Amino acid sequence: MLVGSGLLSSVFKEYRGDEHVVIFASGVSDSSQTDEKEFLREQALLEKTIGENLEKKFVYFSSCALVDDTNFEIPYYLHKKRMELIIQSLAPSYLIIRLPQVFGEIKEHVTLINFLCMKVLKDEVFEVWAGASRYVIHIDDVLILVKSFIENELDHKIINAANTYRYSLFELIEYIEKKVDRKARFKILDKDDSYELEFSFLQDYIEKNNLKFSFGKSYFFEKLKVH
């Protein structure tokens, strides 16, 4: 079963008729969202979906940023944490996949990689926080990992699914500049926004299951496609 119609759901179409798994790829995706009605709408759909599919494994996409407690001051991340707790309380079988910045086809969108690419392509000025850094993962690799987790019957786990290298925003911008052969125009603000993830479980899992990932510093540049 597949719930949702956005970027994540687009690569999980094969689960639409699955009788054993619910891929919940619906709800609030904009971390700047503050409307409580939107959060409650997702919560209601989530609780309804779990209640009607108790015999299925419930797969939910959360955020890697929850590792940093200071983010709970932001409504979006507080909402994500609340969804995780509800799933742990209600779902007999579940996987919570915490994601970083997910990228795929570049288009007009509020997500960071899309935002940066479009600003560079349009030669528009934007602001960059000097102390900000981000983890990333390509949407196709999200599918590969989640499929493997499901096939290997992982259960009752919260997993950080991300490339293991943490990029400064300046590195991300530099790689985008190289891809599109244009220079970015931005103003630097003296602000911080960074967190650090622990990857021992993911690294051990990838090795034990012989999964082929080119994780590391070069990952973003190799995976980024800008048309």
C-alpha atoms as a PDB file:
ATOM      1  CA  MET A   1       0.000   0.000   0.000  1.00  0.00           C
ATOM      2  CA  LEU A   2       1.281   3.461  -0.898  1.00  0.00           C
ATOM      3  CA  VAL A   3       0.011   6.688   0.664  1.00  0.00           C
ATOM      4  CA  GLY A   4       1.131   9.960  -0.907  1.00  0.00           C
ATOM      5  CA  SER A   5       1.772  11.679  -4.224  1.00  0.00           C
ATOM      6  CA  GLY A   6       5.043  13.598  -3.850  1.00  0.00           C
ATOM      7  CA  LEU A   7       8.721  12.978  -4.626  1.00  0.00           C
ATOM      8  CA  LEU A   8       9.098  10.044  -2.253  1.00  0.00           C
ATOM      9  CA  SER A   9       5.943   8.289  -3.370  1.00  0.00           C
ATOM     10  CA  SER A  10       7.048   8.586  -7.013  1.00  0.00           C
ATOM     11  CA  VAL A  11       9.804   5.992  -6.513  1.00  0.00           C
ATOM     12  CA  PHE A  12       7.750   3.635  -4.326  1.00  0.00           C
ATOM     13  CA  LYS A  13       4.992   2.949  -6.872  1.00  0.00           C
ATOM     14  CA  GLU A  14       5.663  -0.799  -6.805  1.00  0.00           C
ATOM     15  CA  TYR A  15       4.246  -0.872  -3.266  1.00  0.00           C
ATOM     16  CA  ARG A  16       0.883   0.586  -4.295  1.00  0.00           C
ATOM     17  CA  GLY A  17      -0.819  -2.808  -4.226  1.00  0.00           C
ATOM     18  CA  ASP A  18       1.395  -4.450  -1.614  1.00  0.00           C
ATOM     19  CA  GLU A  19      -0.597  -6.431   0.944  1.00  0.00           C
ATOM     20  CA  HIS A  20       2.151  -6.581   3.574  1.00  0.00           C
ATOM     21  CA  VAL A  21       3.646  -3.065   3.690  1.00  0.00           C
ATOM     22  CA  VAL A  22       2.334   0.495   3.976  1.00  0.00           C
ATOM     23  CA  ILE A  23       4.650   3.158   2.572  1.00  0.00           C
ATOM     24  CA  PHE A  24       3.424   6.377   4.172  1.00  0.00           C
ATOM     25  CA  ALA A  25       4.890   9.120   1.950  1.00  0.00           C
ATOM     26  CA  SER A  26       2.242  11.747   2.599  1.00  0.00           C
ATOM     27  CA  GLY A  27       1.924  14.835   4.747  1.00  0.00           C
ATOM     28  CA  VAL A  28       3.934  17.952   5.519  1.00  0.00           C
ATOM     29  CA  SER A  29       7.271  18.141   3.680  1.00  0.00           C
ATOM     30  CA  ASP A  30       8.156  21.819   4.119  1.00  0.00           C
ATOM     31  CA  SER A  31      10.241  22.354   7.272  1.00  0.00           C
ATOM     32  CA  SER A  32       9.186  26.014   7.381  1.00  0.00           C
ATOM     33  CA  GLN A  33       5.523  25.028   7.777  1.00  0.00           C
ATOM     34  CA  THR A  34       3.878  26.402  10.940  1.00  0.00           C
ATOM     35  CA  ASP A  35       0.177  25.776  10.257  1.00  0.00           C
ATOM     36  CA  GLU A  36      -1.085  23.414  12.977  1.00  0.00           C
ATOM     37  CA  LYS A  37      -3.998  22.430  10.734  1.00  0.00           C
ATOM     38  CA  GLU A  38      -1.563  20.885   8.245  1.00  0.00           C
ATOM     39  CA  PHE A  39       0.154  18.937  11.005  1.00  0.00           C
ATOM     40  CA  LEU A  40      -3.158  17.689  12.388  1.00  0.00           C
ATOM     41  CA  ARG A  41      -4.287  16.667   8.908  1.00  0.00           C
ATOM     42  CA  GLU A  42      -1.216  14.436   8.535  1.00  0.00           C
ATOM     43  CA  GLN A  43      -1.658  13.040  12.034  1.00  0.00           C
ATOM     44  CA  ALA A  44      -5.297  12.118  11.370  1.00  0.00           C
ATOM     45  CA  LEU A  45      -4.396  10.362   8.097  1.00  0.00           C
ATOM     46  CA  LEU A  46      -1.489   8.557   9.752  1.00  0.00           C
ATOM     47  CA  GLU A  47      -3.591   7.293  12.668  1.00  0.00           C
ATOM     48  CA  LYS A  48      -6.392   6.217  10.309  1.00  0.00           C
ATOM     49  CA  THR A  49      -3.973   4.401   7.998  1.00  0.00           C
ATOM     50  CA  ILE A  50      -2.297   2.527  10.857  1.00  0.00           C
ATOM     51  CA  GLY A  51      -5.676   1.595  12.363  1.00  0.00           C
ATOM     52  CA  GLU A  52      -6.944   0.168   9.081  1.00  0.00           C
ATOM     53  CA  ASN A  53      -3.715  -1.760   8.322  1.00  0.00           C
ATOM     54  CA  LEU A  54      -2.584  -3.267  11.619  1.00  0.00           C
ATOM     55  CA  GLU A  55      -1.431  -6.459   9.883  1.00  0.00           C
ATOM     56  CA  LYS A  56       1.038  -4.547   7.665  1.00  0.00           C
ATOM     57  CA  LYS A  57       4.497  -3.125   8.310  1.00  0.00           C
ATOM     58  CA  PHE A  58       4.189   0.671   8.495  1.00  0.00           C
ATOM     59  CA  VAL A  59       7.046   2.648   6.887  1.00  0.00           C
ATOM     60  CA  TYR A  60       7.282   6.348   7.725  1.00  0.00           C
ATOM     61  CA  PHE A  61       9.719   9.021   6.557  1.00  0.00           C
ATOM     62  CA  SER A  62      10.945  11.357   9.257  1.00  0.00           C
ATOM     63  CA  SER A  63      13.900  13.753   9.523  1.00  0.00           C
ATOM     64  CA  CYS A  64      17.537  13.230  10.465  1.00  0.00           C
ATOM     65  CA  ALA A  65      17.431  16.679  12.090  1.00  0.00           C
ATOM     66  CA  LEU A  66      15.561  15.163  15.063  1.00  0.00           C
ATOM     67  CA  VAL A  67      18.951  14.106  16.408  1.00  0.00           C
ATOM     68  CA  ASP A  68      19.392  17.759  17.472  1.00  0.00           C
ATOM     69  CA  ASP A  69      17.076  18.579  20.391  1.00  0.00           C
ATOM     70  CA  THR A  70      17.269  22.309  19.657  1.00  0.00           C
ATOM     71  CA  ASN A  71      15.232  21.696  16.507  1.00  0.00           C
ATOM     72  CA  PHE A  72      12.194  20.880  18.650  1.00  0.00           C
ATOM     73  CA  GLU A  73      11.723  24.637  18.956  1.00  0.00           C
ATOM     74  CA  ILE A  74      10.676  24.497  15.279  1.00  0.00           C
ATOM     75  CA  PRO A  75       7.041  23.352  14.771  1.00  0.00           C
ATOM     76  CA  TYR A  76       7.840  21.044  11.837  1.00  0.00           C
ATOM     77  CA  TYR A  77      10.393  18.995  13.777  1.00  0.00           C
ATOM     78  CA  LEU A  78       8.222  18.873  16.870  1.00  0.00           C
ATOM     79  CA  HIS A  79       5.479  17.494  14.621  1.00  0.00           C
ATOM     80  CA  LYS A  80       7.817  14.883  13.139  1.00  0.00           C
ATOM     81  CA  LYS A  81       8.834  13.702  16.595  1.00  0.00           C
ATOM     82  CA  ARG A  82       5.168  13.470  17.592  1.00  0.00           C
ATOM     83  CA  MET A  83       4.462  11.317  14.519  1.00  0.00           C
ATOM     84  CA  GLU A  84       7.316   8.986  15.447  1.00  0.00           C
ATOM     85  CA  LEU A  85       5.918   8.530  18.956  1.00  0.00           C
ATOM     86  CA  ILE A  86       2.424   7.835  17.630  1.00  0.00           C
ATOM     87  CA  ILE A  87       3.773   5.188  15.249  1.00  0.00           C
ATOM     88  CA  GLN A  88       5.745   3.518  18.040  1.00  0.00           C
ATOM     89  CA  SER A  89       2.596   3.490  20.148  1.00  0.00           C
ATOM     90  CA  LEU A  90       0.050   2.327  17.559  1.00  0.00           C
ATOM     91  CA  ALA A  91       1.811   0.288  14.852  1.00  0.00           C
ATOM     92  CA  PRO A  92       2.527  -3.385  15.673  1.00  0.00           C
ATOM     93  CA  SER A  93       5.244  -3.414  12.997  1.00  0.00           C
ATOM     94  CA  TYR A  94       7.083  -0.320  11.756  1.00  0.00           C
ATOM     95  CA  LEU A  95      10.194   1.252  10.262  1.00  0.00           C
ATOM     96  CA  ILE A  96      10.906   4.946  10.732  1.00  0.00           C
ATOM     97  CA  ILE A  97      13.341   6.187   8.100  1.00  0.00           C
ATOM     98  CA  ARG A  98      14.960   9.477   9.039  1.00  0.00           C
ATOM     99  CA  LEU A  99      16.038  11.328   5.919  1.00  0.00           C
ATOM    100  CA  PRO A 100      18.360  14.289   5.313  1.00  0.00           C
ATOM    101  CA  GLN A 101      18.069  16.580   2.284  1.00  0.00           C
ATOM    102  CA  VAL A 102      16.625  14.342  -0.445  1.00  0.00           C
ATOM    103  CA  PHE A 103      17.297  15.262  -4.063  1.00  0.00           C
ATOM    104  CA  GLY A 104      16.425  13.876  -7.454  1.00  0.00           C
ATOM    105  CA  GLU A 105      15.111  15.692 -10.519  1.00  0.00           C
ATOM    106  CA  ILE A 106      15.848  19.393 -10.082  1.00  0.00           C
ATOM    107  CA  LYS A 107      12.760  21.596 -10.234  1.00  0.00           C
ATOM    108  CA  GLU A 108      11.090  24.577  -8.559  1.00  0.00           C
ATOM    109  CA  HIS A 109      10.605  23.413  -4.975  1.00  0.00           C
ATOM    110  CA  VAL A 110      11.160  24.578  -1.410  1.00  0.00           C
ATOM    111  CA  THR A 111      13.643  21.804  -0.575  1.00  0.00           C
ATOM    112  CA  LEU A 112      17.241  22.976  -0.155  1.00  0.00           C
ATOM    113  CA  ILE A 113      18.960  21.332  -3.140  1.00  0.00           C
ATOM    114  CA  ASN A 114      16.219  22.438  -5.531  1.00  0.00           C
ATOM    115  CA  PHE A 115      16.322  25.943  -4.045  1.00  0.00           C
ATOM    116  CA  LEU A 116      20.093  26.272  -4.440  1.00  0.00           C
ATOM    117  CA  CYS A 117      20.112  24.880  -7.991  1.00  0.00           C
ATOM    118  CA  MET A 118      17.331  27.170  -9.161  1.00  0.00           C
ATOM    119  CA  LYS A 119      18.974  30.233  -7.601  1.00  0.00           C
ATOM    120  CA  VAL A 120      22.231  29.486  -9.413  1.00  0.00           C
ATOM    121  CA  LEU A 121      20.487  28.709 -12.713  1.00  0.00           C
ATOM    122  CA  LYS A 122      18.448  31.928 -12.530  1.00  0.00           C
ATOM    123  CA  ASP A 123      21.439  34.015 -11.408  1.00  0.00           C
ATOM    124  CA  GLU A 124      19.512  35.190  -8.345  1.00  0.00           C
ATOM    125  CA  VAL A 125      21.062  36.398  -5.108  1.00  0.00           C
ATOM    126  CA  PHE A 126      20.364  34.325  -1.990  1.00  0.00           C
ATOM    127  CA  GLU A 127      21.525  34.106   1.612  1.00  0.00           C
ATOM    128  CA  VAL A 128      23.857  31.460   3.017  1.00  0.00           C
ATOM    129  CA  TRP A 129      24.443  30.744   6.687  1.00  0.00           C
ATOM    130  CA  ALA A 130      28.188  30.566   7.291  1.00  0.00           C
ATOM    131  CA  GLY A 131      27.966  27.748   9.837  1.00  0.00           C
ATOM    132  CA  ALA A 132      25.312  25.629   8.128  1.00  0.00           C
ATOM    133  CA  SER A 133      25.903  22.071   6.947  1.00  0.00           C
ATOM    134  CA  ARG A 134      23.708  19.300   5.590  1.00  0.00           C
ATOM    135  CA  TYR A 135      23.631  15.581   4.860  1.00  0.00           C
ATOM    136  CA  VAL A 136      22.064  14.468   1.570  1.00  0.00           C
ATOM    137  CA  ILE A 137      20.769  11.384  -0.212  1.00  0.00           C
ATOM    138  CA  HIS A 138      19.484  10.746  -3.720  1.00  0.00           C
ATOM    139  CA  ILE A 139      15.880   9.600  -3.986  1.00  0.00           C
ATOM    140  CA  ASP A 140      16.876   6.425  -5.871  1.00  0.00           C
ATOM    141  CA  ASP A 141      19.120   5.384  -2.988  1.00  0.00           C
ATOM    142  CA  VAL A 142      16.273   5.916  -0.523  1.00  0.00           C
ATOM    143  CA  LEU A 143      14.319   3.310  -2.489  1.00  0.00           C
ATOM    144  CA  ILE A 144      17.247   0.857  -2.562  1.00  0.00           C
ATOM    145  CA  LEU A 145      17.784   1.111   1.193  1.00  0.00           C
ATOM    146  CA  VAL A 146      14.127   0.904   2.186  1.00  0.00           C
ATOM    147  CA  LYS A 147      13.477  -2.061  -0.116  1.00  0.00           C
ATOM    148  CA  SER A 148      16.430  -3.858   1.441  1.00  0.00           C
ATOM    149  CA  PHE A 149      15.242  -3.070   4.985  1.00  0.00           C
ATOM    150  CA  ILE A 150      11.794  -4.464   4.152  1.00  0.00           C
ATOM    151  CA  GLU A 151      13.121  -7.578   2.395  1.00  0.00           C
ATOM    152  CA  ASN A 152      15.399  -8.327   5.348  1.00  0.00           C
ATOM    153  CA  GLU A 153      12.434  -7.937   7.734  1.00  0.00           C
ATOM    154  CA  LEU A 154      13.866  -5.135   9.857  1.00  0.00           C
ATOM    155  CA  ASP A 155      11.296  -4.063  12.418  1.00  0.00           C
ATOM    156  CA  HIS A 156      10.764  -1.580  15.252  1.00  0.00           C
ATOM    157  CA  LYS A 157      13.721   0.525  14.129  1.00  0.00           C
ATOM    158  CA  ILE A 158      14.512   4.191  13.569  1.00  0.00           C
ATOM    159  CA  ILE A 159      17.251   4.462  10.935  1.00  0.00           C
ATOM    160  CA  ASN A 160      19.262   7.417   9.650  1.00  0.00           C
ATOM    161  CA  ALA A 161      19.379   6.887   5.868  1.00  0.00           C
ATOM    162  CA  ALA A 162      21.884   9.362   4.459  1.00  0.00           C
ATOM    163  CA  ASN A 163      25.186   9.749   2.694  1.00  0.00           C
ATOM    164  CA  THR A 164      27.721   9.629   5.511  1.00  0.00           C
ATOM    165  CA  TYR A 165      29.575  12.816   4.512  1.00  0.00           C
ATOM    166  CA  ARG A 166      28.332  16.102   5.934  1.00  0.00           C
ATOM    167  CA  TYR A 167      28.588  19.023   3.482  1.00  0.00           C
ATOM    168  CA  SER A 168      28.925  22.679   4.315  1.00  0.00           C
ATOM    169  CA  LEU A 169      26.519  24.810   2.271  1.00  0.00           C
ATOM    170  CA  PHE A 170      29.555  26.281   0.546  1.00  0.00           C
ATOM    171  CA  GLU A 171      30.547  22.792  -0.660  1.00  0.00           C
ATOM    172  CA  LEU A 172      27.055  22.092  -1.986  1.00  0.00           C
ATOM    173  CA  ILE A 173      27.026  25.408  -3.824  1.00  0.00           C
ATOM    174  CA  GLU A 174      30.488  24.780  -5.265  1.00  0.00           C
ATOM    175  CA  TYR A 175      29.408  21.412  -6.683  1.00  0.00           C
ATOM    176  CA  ILE A 176      26.261  22.937  -8.178  1.00  0.00           C
ATOM    177  CA  GLU A 177      28.369  25.681  -9.787  1.00  0.00           C
ATOM    178  CA  LYS A 178      30.582  23.033 -11.396  1.00  0.00           C
ATOM    179  CA  LYS A 179      27.590  21.071 -12.684  1.00  0.00           C
ATOM    180  CA  VAL A 180      25.871  24.036 -14.331  1.00  0.00           C
ATOM    181  CA  ASP A 181      29.040  26.006 -15.174  1.00  0.00           C
ATOM    182  CA  ARG A 182      27.744  29.159 -13.513  1.00  0.00           C
ATOM    183  CA  LYS A 183      28.762  31.179 -10.470  1.00  0.00           C
ATOM    184  CA  ALA A 184      26.400  31.562  -7.541  1.00  0.00           C
ATOM    185  CA  ARG A 185      25.626  34.975  -6.107  1.00  0.00           C
ATOM    186  CA  PHE A 186      24.962  34.943  -2.388  1.00  0.00           C
ATOM    187  CA  LYS A 187      25.266  36.923   0.824  1.00  0.00           C
ATOM    188  CA  ILE A 188      26.888  35.273   3.829  1.00  0.00           C
ATOM    189  CA  LEU A 189      25.139  35.508   7.187  1.00  0.00           C
ATOM    190  CA  ASP A 190      26.950  34.787  10.443  1.00  0.00           C
ATOM    191  CA  LYS A 191      24.604  32.022  11.576  1.00  0.00           C
ATOM    192  CA  ASP A 192      24.953  28.336  12.443  1.00  0.00           C
ATOM    193  CA  ASP A 193      22.729  25.366  11.619  1.00  0.00           C
ATOM    194  CA  SER A 194      24.375  21.976  11.862  1.00  0.00           C
ATOM    195  CA  TYR A 195      24.055  18.546  13.463  1.00  0.00           C
ATOM    196  CA  GLU A 196      26.064  15.330  13.426  1.00  0.00           C
ATOM    197  CA  LEU A 197      24.698  11.852  12.681  1.00  0.00           C
ATOM    198  CA  GLU A 198      25.850   8.446  13.868  1.00  0.00           C
ATOM    199  CA  PHE A 199      26.108   5.842  11.095  1.00  0.00           C
ATOM    200  CA  SER A 200      27.417   2.639  12.679  1.00  0.00           C
ATOM    201  CA  PHE A 201      24.168   0.718  12.096  1.00  0.00           C
ATOM    202  CA  LEU A 202      23.819   1.856   8.470  1.00  0.00           C
ATOM    203  CA  GLN A 203      27.457   1.185   7.616  1.00  0.00           C
ATOM    204  CA  ASP A 204      27.348  -2.297   9.155  1.00  0.00           C
ATOM    205  CA  TYR A 205      24.080  -3.055   7.385  1.00  0.00           C
ATOM    206  CA  ILE A 206      25.404  -1.962   3.978  1.00  0.00           C
ATOM    207  CA  GLU A 207      28.531  -4.079   4.407  1.00  0.00           C
ATOM    208  CA  LYS A 208      26.709  -7.186   5.643  1.00  0.00           C
ATOM    209  CA  ASN A 209      24.169  -7.011   2.813  1.00  0.00           C
ATOM    210  CA  ASN A 210      26.741  -6.208   0.133  1.00  0.00           C
ATOM    211  CA  LEU A 211      24.959  -3.046  -0.999  1.00  0.00           C
ATOM    212  CA  LYS A 212      26.902  -0.899  -3.442  1.00  0.00           C
ATOM    213  CA  PHE A 213      26.840   2.766  -2.467  1.00  0.00           C
ATOM    214  CA  SER A 214      29.357   5.430  -3.412  1.00  0.00           C
ATOM    215  CA  PHE A 215      28.885   7.268  -0.117  1.00  0.00           C
ATOM    216  CA  GLY A 216      31.505   9.880   0.698  1.00  0.00           C
ATOM    217  CA  LYS A 217      32.507  13.408  -0.253  1.00  0.00           C
ATOM    218  CA  SER A 218      32.121  12.881  -4.012  1.00  0.00           C
ATOM    219  CA  TYR A 219      28.599  11.422  -3.691  1.00  0.00           C
ATOM    220  CA  PHE A 220      26.643  14.646  -4.203  1.00  0.00           C
ATOM    221  CA  PHE A 221      28.541  15.758  -7.301  1.00  0.00           C
ATOM    222  CA  GLU A 222      28.317  12.286  -8.855  1.00  0.00           C
ATOM    223  CA  LYS A 223      24.576  11.940  -8.211  1.00  0.00           C
ATOM    224  CA  LEU A 224      23.465  15.487  -9.048  1.00  0.00           C
ATOM    225  CA  LYS A 225      21.840  15.867 -12.465  1.00  0.00           C
ATOM    226  CA  VAL A 226      20.829  19.338 -13.612  1.00  0.00           C
ATOM    227  CA  HIS A 227      19.182  19.629 -17.038  1.00  0.00           C
END
